[in-house]
Protein backbone atom coordinates (compact mmCIF):
# COMPACT_ATOMS: atom_id res chain seq x y z
CA MET A 1 -44.24 -79.75 181.57
CA LYS A 2 -46.56 -76.76 180.17
CA HIS A 3 -46.01 -74.28 182.95
CA LYS A 4 -41.93 -75.66 182.31
CA LEU A 5 -42.30 -74.34 178.57
CA LYS A 6 -43.69 -71.29 179.44
CA LYS A 7 -41.31 -70.36 181.90
CA LEU A 8 -38.75 -71.41 179.84
CA TYR A 9 -40.44 -69.26 176.68
CA ASP A 10 -40.34 -66.25 178.89
CA PHE A 11 -37.20 -66.48 179.85
CA SER A 12 -35.95 -66.39 176.38
CA ASN A 13 -38.21 -63.23 175.68
CA SER A 14 -36.24 -61.20 178.29
CA TRP A 15 -32.98 -59.26 177.83
CA THR A 16 -31.22 -62.15 180.37
CA GLY A 17 -32.94 -65.25 178.50
CA THR A 18 -31.59 -63.28 174.99
CA ILE A 19 -28.07 -62.86 175.53
CA ILE A 20 -27.27 -66.23 177.26
CA ILE A 21 -29.03 -67.81 174.11
CA VAL A 22 -27.03 -65.70 171.83
CA LEU A 23 -24.05 -65.96 173.54
CA LEU A 24 -24.33 -70.17 173.48
CA VAL A 25 -24.83 -69.93 170.16
CA ILE A 26 -21.68 -67.35 169.27
CA PHE A 27 -19.86 -70.32 171.90
CA PHE A 28 -20.99 -73.24 170.45
CA VAL A 29 -22.90 -72.96 167.26
CA ALA A 30 -21.72 -70.13 165.38
CA GLN A 31 -20.56 -66.93 164.76
CA ALA A 32 -19.99 -64.12 162.80
CA PHE A 33 -16.43 -63.59 160.75
CA VAL A 34 -16.05 -60.81 158.15
CA ILE A 35 -13.92 -61.26 155.49
CA PRO A 36 -11.11 -58.09 155.88
CA SER A 37 -8.52 -58.60 153.90
CA GLY A 38 -7.73 -59.63 150.32
CA SER A 39 -6.11 -63.35 151.24
CA MET A 40 -8.91 -65.04 150.01
CA LYS A 41 -9.51 -63.18 146.84
CA ARG A 42 -10.91 -64.71 144.89
CA THR A 43 -12.65 -66.79 147.09
CA LEU A 44 -14.20 -64.69 149.90
CA LEU A 45 -14.20 -61.10 149.04
CA ILE A 46 -13.82 -58.56 151.47
CA GLY A 47 -16.85 -57.57 152.59
CA ASP A 48 -18.26 -60.87 152.88
CA HIS A 49 -19.89 -61.60 156.57
CA LEU A 50 -19.95 -64.79 157.24
CA PHE A 51 -21.24 -67.73 159.94
CA VAL A 52 -18.83 -69.77 161.17
CA LYS A 53 -19.54 -73.50 162.28
CA LYS A 54 -17.83 -73.86 165.47
CA PHE A 55 -17.98 -77.59 165.40
CA ALA A 56 -17.01 -78.05 163.07
CA TYR A 57 -13.98 -79.46 164.17
CA GLY A 58 -14.39 -80.31 167.83
CA ILE A 59 -15.62 -77.53 169.98
CA PRO A 60 -12.96 -75.00 170.98
CA VAL A 61 -12.99 -73.39 174.58
CA PRO A 62 -15.02 -70.23 174.38
CA HIS A 63 -14.28 -66.54 174.03
CA ILE A 64 -16.35 -63.44 175.15
CA PRO A 65 -16.46 -61.58 171.72
CA TRP A 66 -14.44 -58.26 171.13
CA LEU A 67 -12.52 -58.88 174.01
CA GLU A 68 -11.54 -62.82 173.25
CA TRP A 69 -11.43 -63.38 176.75
CA PRO A 70 -11.34 -66.99 177.34
CA VAL A 71 -14.91 -68.42 179.22
CA LEU A 72 -13.98 -71.76 180.35
CA PRO A 73 -10.24 -73.53 180.86
CA ASP A 74 -8.49 -75.08 178.57
CA PHE A 75 -9.23 -78.43 180.41
CA ARG A 76 -7.51 -80.50 177.61
CA GLY A 77 -4.79 -78.55 176.75
CA ASP A 78 -5.49 -78.35 172.86
CA GLY A 79 -7.80 -75.43 173.23
CA HIS A 80 -10.79 -77.35 172.98
CA ILE A 81 -13.12 -78.79 175.03
CA ILE A 82 -14.68 -81.06 172.93
CA GLU A 83 -12.58 -82.92 170.50
CA GLY A 84 -13.48 -83.29 166.42
CA SER A 85 -12.64 -83.98 163.11
CA LYS A 86 -9.25 -81.96 161.84
CA PRO A 87 -9.38 -79.89 159.16
CA LYS A 88 -8.87 -82.06 156.42
CA ARG A 89 -6.75 -80.52 152.92
CA GLY A 90 -8.41 -78.16 150.43
CA ASP A 91 -10.37 -77.30 153.66
CA ILE A 92 -11.19 -73.64 154.19
CA VAL A 93 -10.06 -72.56 157.94
CA VAL A 94 -11.09 -70.00 160.90
CA PHE A 95 -8.31 -70.27 162.50
CA ARG A 96 -6.43 -68.02 165.50
CA TYR A 97 -3.61 -66.04 164.45
CA PRO A 98 -0.52 -67.92 166.23
CA LYS A 99 1.00 -64.32 167.18
CA ASN A 100 -1.77 -63.00 168.40
CA ILE A 101 -4.53 -65.21 169.50
CA LYS A 102 -7.02 -62.65 169.40
CA ILE A 103 -7.04 -62.09 165.72
CA HIS A 104 -8.96 -64.58 163.75
CA TYR A 105 -7.07 -65.45 160.05
CA VAL A 106 -9.25 -67.33 157.10
CA LYS A 107 -6.88 -69.09 155.25
CA ARG A 108 -7.05 -72.63 153.46
CA CYS A 109 -5.84 -75.82 154.76
CA VAL A 110 -2.81 -77.10 152.06
CA ALA A 111 -0.66 -79.41 154.18
CA LEU A 112 -1.08 -81.76 157.21
CA GLY A 113 1.40 -82.43 159.78
CA GLY A 114 4.26 -84.85 157.65
CA ASP A 115 3.40 -83.62 154.33
CA GLU A 116 6.24 -81.72 152.63
CA ILE A 117 6.20 -78.38 150.99
CA LEU A 118 8.60 -76.33 148.23
CA PHE A 119 7.13 -73.37 146.76
CA GLN A 120 9.04 -71.52 144.40
CA GLU A 121 7.62 -68.22 141.99
CA LYS A 122 3.80 -69.45 141.38
CA LYS A 123 4.61 -72.51 142.48
CA LEU A 124 3.63 -74.76 145.06
CA PHE A 125 4.70 -78.31 145.32
CA ILE A 126 3.45 -80.40 147.82
CA HIS A 127 4.98 -84.72 148.81
CA PHE A 128 1.62 -86.00 150.93
CA ARG A 129 2.91 -87.85 153.68
CA GLU A 130 0.99 -91.07 152.48
CA GLY A 131 3.44 -91.54 149.82
CA ASP A 132 4.63 -92.20 145.98
CA GLU A 133 1.84 -94.81 145.07
CA TRP A 134 -0.92 -92.58 147.21
CA ILE A 135 0.19 -89.96 145.18
CA LYS A 136 -0.20 -91.63 141.33
CA LYS A 137 -2.99 -92.84 142.33
CA HIS A 138 -5.09 -89.70 143.45
CA TYR A 139 -3.41 -87.33 140.94
CA PRO A 140 -2.72 -86.57 137.25
CA PRO A 141 1.27 -87.53 135.29
CA ASN A 142 1.12 -83.65 134.92
CA ARG A 143 1.26 -82.45 137.44
CA ILE A 144 3.69 -85.00 139.46
CA TYR A 145 7.35 -84.21 139.15
CA LYS A 146 9.80 -86.63 140.67
CA ILE A 147 12.18 -83.76 143.31
CA VAL A 148 15.22 -85.15 145.48
CA GLY A 149 14.11 -89.08 145.03
CA LYS A 150 9.87 -88.82 145.45
CA LEU A 151 7.00 -87.27 143.99
CA TRP A 152 5.87 -84.22 144.26
CA VAL A 153 2.21 -82.61 143.21
CA LEU A 154 2.50 -79.27 141.56
CA ASN A 155 -0.16 -76.98 142.74
CA PRO A 156 -2.66 -79.85 143.71
CA TYR A 157 -5.09 -77.14 144.71
CA MET A 158 -5.48 -75.21 141.16
CA LEU A 159 -7.56 -78.28 139.95
CA LYS A 160 -10.17 -78.34 141.97
CA TYR A 161 -10.62 -74.37 142.99
CA PRO A 162 -11.33 -72.19 140.80
CA GLY A 163 -10.29 -69.15 142.81
CA ILE A 164 -6.65 -69.95 143.42
CA GLN A 165 -4.65 -67.90 142.01
CA TYR A 166 -1.24 -65.76 141.75
CA ASP A 167 -0.63 -62.41 140.48
CA LYS A 168 1.83 -62.33 137.34
CA ASN A 169 2.91 -58.50 138.51
CA VAL A 170 4.06 -59.70 141.65
CA ASN A 171 7.53 -61.05 142.13
CA LEU A 172 7.28 -62.60 145.42
CA PHE A 173 10.72 -64.44 145.35
CA ARG A 174 11.84 -61.75 145.64
CA GLU A 175 9.68 -60.24 148.34
CA ILE A 176 10.79 -63.41 150.21
CA LEU A 177 14.46 -62.50 150.12
CA LEU A 178 13.50 -59.20 152.59
CA TYR A 179 11.31 -61.27 155.02
CA MET A 180 14.40 -63.42 155.50
CA SER A 181 16.74 -60.93 156.09
CA ALA A 182 14.38 -59.63 158.71
CA GLY A 183 13.78 -63.02 160.03
CA GLN A 184 10.12 -63.07 158.94
CA PHE A 185 10.13 -66.00 156.71
CA ALA A 186 9.38 -69.61 158.04
CA MET A 187 10.47 -72.21 155.34
CA GLN A 188 13.60 -73.13 154.40
CA PRO A 189 15.77 -71.89 152.06
CA MET A 190 17.24 -74.07 148.97
CA MET A 191 19.30 -75.05 146.10
CA ILE A 192 17.48 -77.86 144.59
CA SER A 193 19.47 -78.98 141.45
CA SER A 194 16.66 -80.63 139.23
CA LEU A 195 14.71 -77.22 139.91
CA PRO A 196 15.41 -74.74 137.27
CA LYS A 197 17.35 -71.58 139.05
CA TYR A 198 15.87 -68.51 139.79
CA SER A 199 18.56 -66.17 139.45
CA SER A 200 22.13 -67.01 138.83
CA ASP A 201 22.92 -64.74 141.61
CA LEU A 202 21.03 -66.30 144.12
CA PRO A 203 22.21 -69.34 146.12
CA LEU A 204 18.54 -70.26 146.04
CA ASN A 205 15.70 -71.64 144.13
CA ALA A 206 13.29 -73.27 146.51
CA PHE A 207 11.59 -72.29 150.49
CA TYR A 208 11.23 -75.56 152.48
CA PHE A 209 9.01 -77.11 155.23
CA LYS A 210 7.72 -80.20 156.69
CA VAL A 211 4.71 -79.60 158.76
CA PRO A 212 5.06 -81.26 162.38
CA LYS A 213 2.78 -83.39 163.76
CA GLY A 214 -0.66 -82.20 164.64
CA ARG A 215 -0.41 -78.77 162.60
CA TYR A 216 -1.47 -77.68 159.88
CA PHE A 217 -0.37 -75.64 156.40
CA MET A 218 -2.61 -73.07 155.64
CA MET A 219 -2.18 -70.33 152.54
CA GLY A 220 -4.12 -67.94 151.32
CA ASP A 221 -6.20 -68.44 147.62
CA ASN A 222 -4.39 -64.92 146.39
CA ARG A 223 -1.29 -66.61 146.90
CA ASP A 224 1.22 -63.31 146.25
CA HIS A 225 -1.11 -61.10 148.43
CA SER A 226 -1.29 -64.36 152.19
CA ASN A 227 0.44 -63.44 155.01
CA ASP A 228 0.27 -67.22 156.06
CA SER A 229 2.12 -70.12 156.43
CA ARG A 230 4.76 -69.68 154.60
CA PHE A 231 5.96 -66.31 156.90
CA TRP A 232 5.08 -67.51 160.65
CA GLY A 233 4.57 -71.57 160.07
CA SER A 234 1.89 -74.08 160.25
CA VAL A 235 -0.93 -73.60 162.92
CA PRO A 236 -1.55 -76.16 165.92
CA TYR A 237 -5.37 -77.62 166.30
CA ARG A 238 -5.91 -75.72 169.67
CA ASP A 239 -6.17 -72.75 167.30
CA ILE A 240 -8.79 -73.92 164.97
CA VAL A 241 -12.23 -72.02 165.34
CA GLY A 242 -14.37 -73.51 162.60
CA LYS A 243 -15.32 -73.55 158.90
CA PRO A 244 -16.68 -70.93 157.06
CA TRP A 245 -20.64 -71.22 156.46
CA PHE A 246 -22.50 -69.22 154.71
CA VAL A 247 -22.75 -65.99 153.50
CA TYR A 248 -24.96 -63.82 155.61
CA PHE A 249 -24.61 -60.49 153.64
CA SER A 250 -21.79 -59.39 151.73
CA TRP A 251 -21.17 -55.59 149.95
CA ASP A 252 -18.46 -54.57 148.06
CA LYS A 253 -15.70 -51.30 149.03
CA ASN A 254 -18.85 -48.88 147.38
CA TYR A 255 -20.71 -50.16 150.00
CA LYS A 256 -22.63 -51.77 146.57
CA ILE A 257 -24.26 -55.14 148.07
CA ARG A 258 -23.44 -58.41 146.59
CA TRP A 259 -26.86 -59.86 146.00
CA ASN A 260 -26.06 -63.04 144.46
CA ARG A 261 -24.03 -64.13 147.44
CA ILE A 262 -25.81 -63.64 149.91
CA GLY A 263 -27.13 -66.92 151.43
CA ARG A 264 -24.38 -68.69 149.43
CA SER A 265 -22.45 -71.98 151.28
CA VAL A 266 -18.58 -71.55 150.88
CA ASN A 267 -18.57 -74.43 149.68
CA GLU A 268 -20.64 -73.60 146.87
CA LEU A 269 -18.51 -70.38 146.50
CA GLN A 270 -15.74 -71.87 146.12
CA LEU A 271 -16.59 -74.44 143.63
CA ASN A 272 -18.78 -72.35 141.33
CA LYS A 273 -16.96 -70.48 138.86
CA LYS A 274 -19.91 -67.88 138.57
CA TYR A 275 -19.62 -66.27 142.25
CA ILE A 276 -15.92 -66.34 141.77
CA ASP A 277 -14.51 -62.80 141.48
CA LYS A 278 -13.95 -61.61 137.86
CA SER A 279 -12.53 -58.87 139.06
CA VAL A 280 -8.91 -60.93 139.06
CA SER A 281 -8.02 -62.61 136.38
CA LEU A 282 -6.18 -66.37 137.16
CA LYS A 283 -2.58 -65.75 136.38
């Protein structure tokens, strides 16, 4: 036994052994990820270097880093060699961009299969699939609205996560109309009489989406600066990679190290206001 352990130790210290161990960790345990854009600002910042927990939602089919070539076939047909728990509402999730699986995105899961979404300027309404009684039990009355005969919760995640924000200087509704004209918006335009009109010259005042079964609706916390499920649709389980774990390094655009973020779990960063980026005020 001692001889075998010594051989294993010697192998792990060789170049071949080191590479194999590193690849096994990347494939099945944790992978480094750098926040490239401001779509999750103020929760996760550009320059945050994260470890992603690869086993949070099962074990995804391993891919060679950077090249993103699959190492194994997708035997199950769901992008995972072992199925695990699925993303929950409110989770920050790393996933493959459905239109280009070589690109990784990080967003917050705001809705599950069967949930319905209405989006207006600076307003996100969700009718959760559990129904009206469940909504009344889990959300305060001042957040609940009756629209088209059922109950909807207004901006539900802003109650818990202080980093979610809208930009008062951006008129996203007008920008969406341009995306729609180019066929680059996934939600359905609607005119709902019980909601305020956006403009007297437009035959719509909201956008609607019902999340298909087994899929997830992802949105950035920086709501007016995020390319997310509103534009390209929901994310299937096969594209789910994992959950951001903790920040192992962070620096700003001037290469100044953010010491107060290093070693912090993503859960701590998203819940504790002292870590929320102060350069963007809550709108």
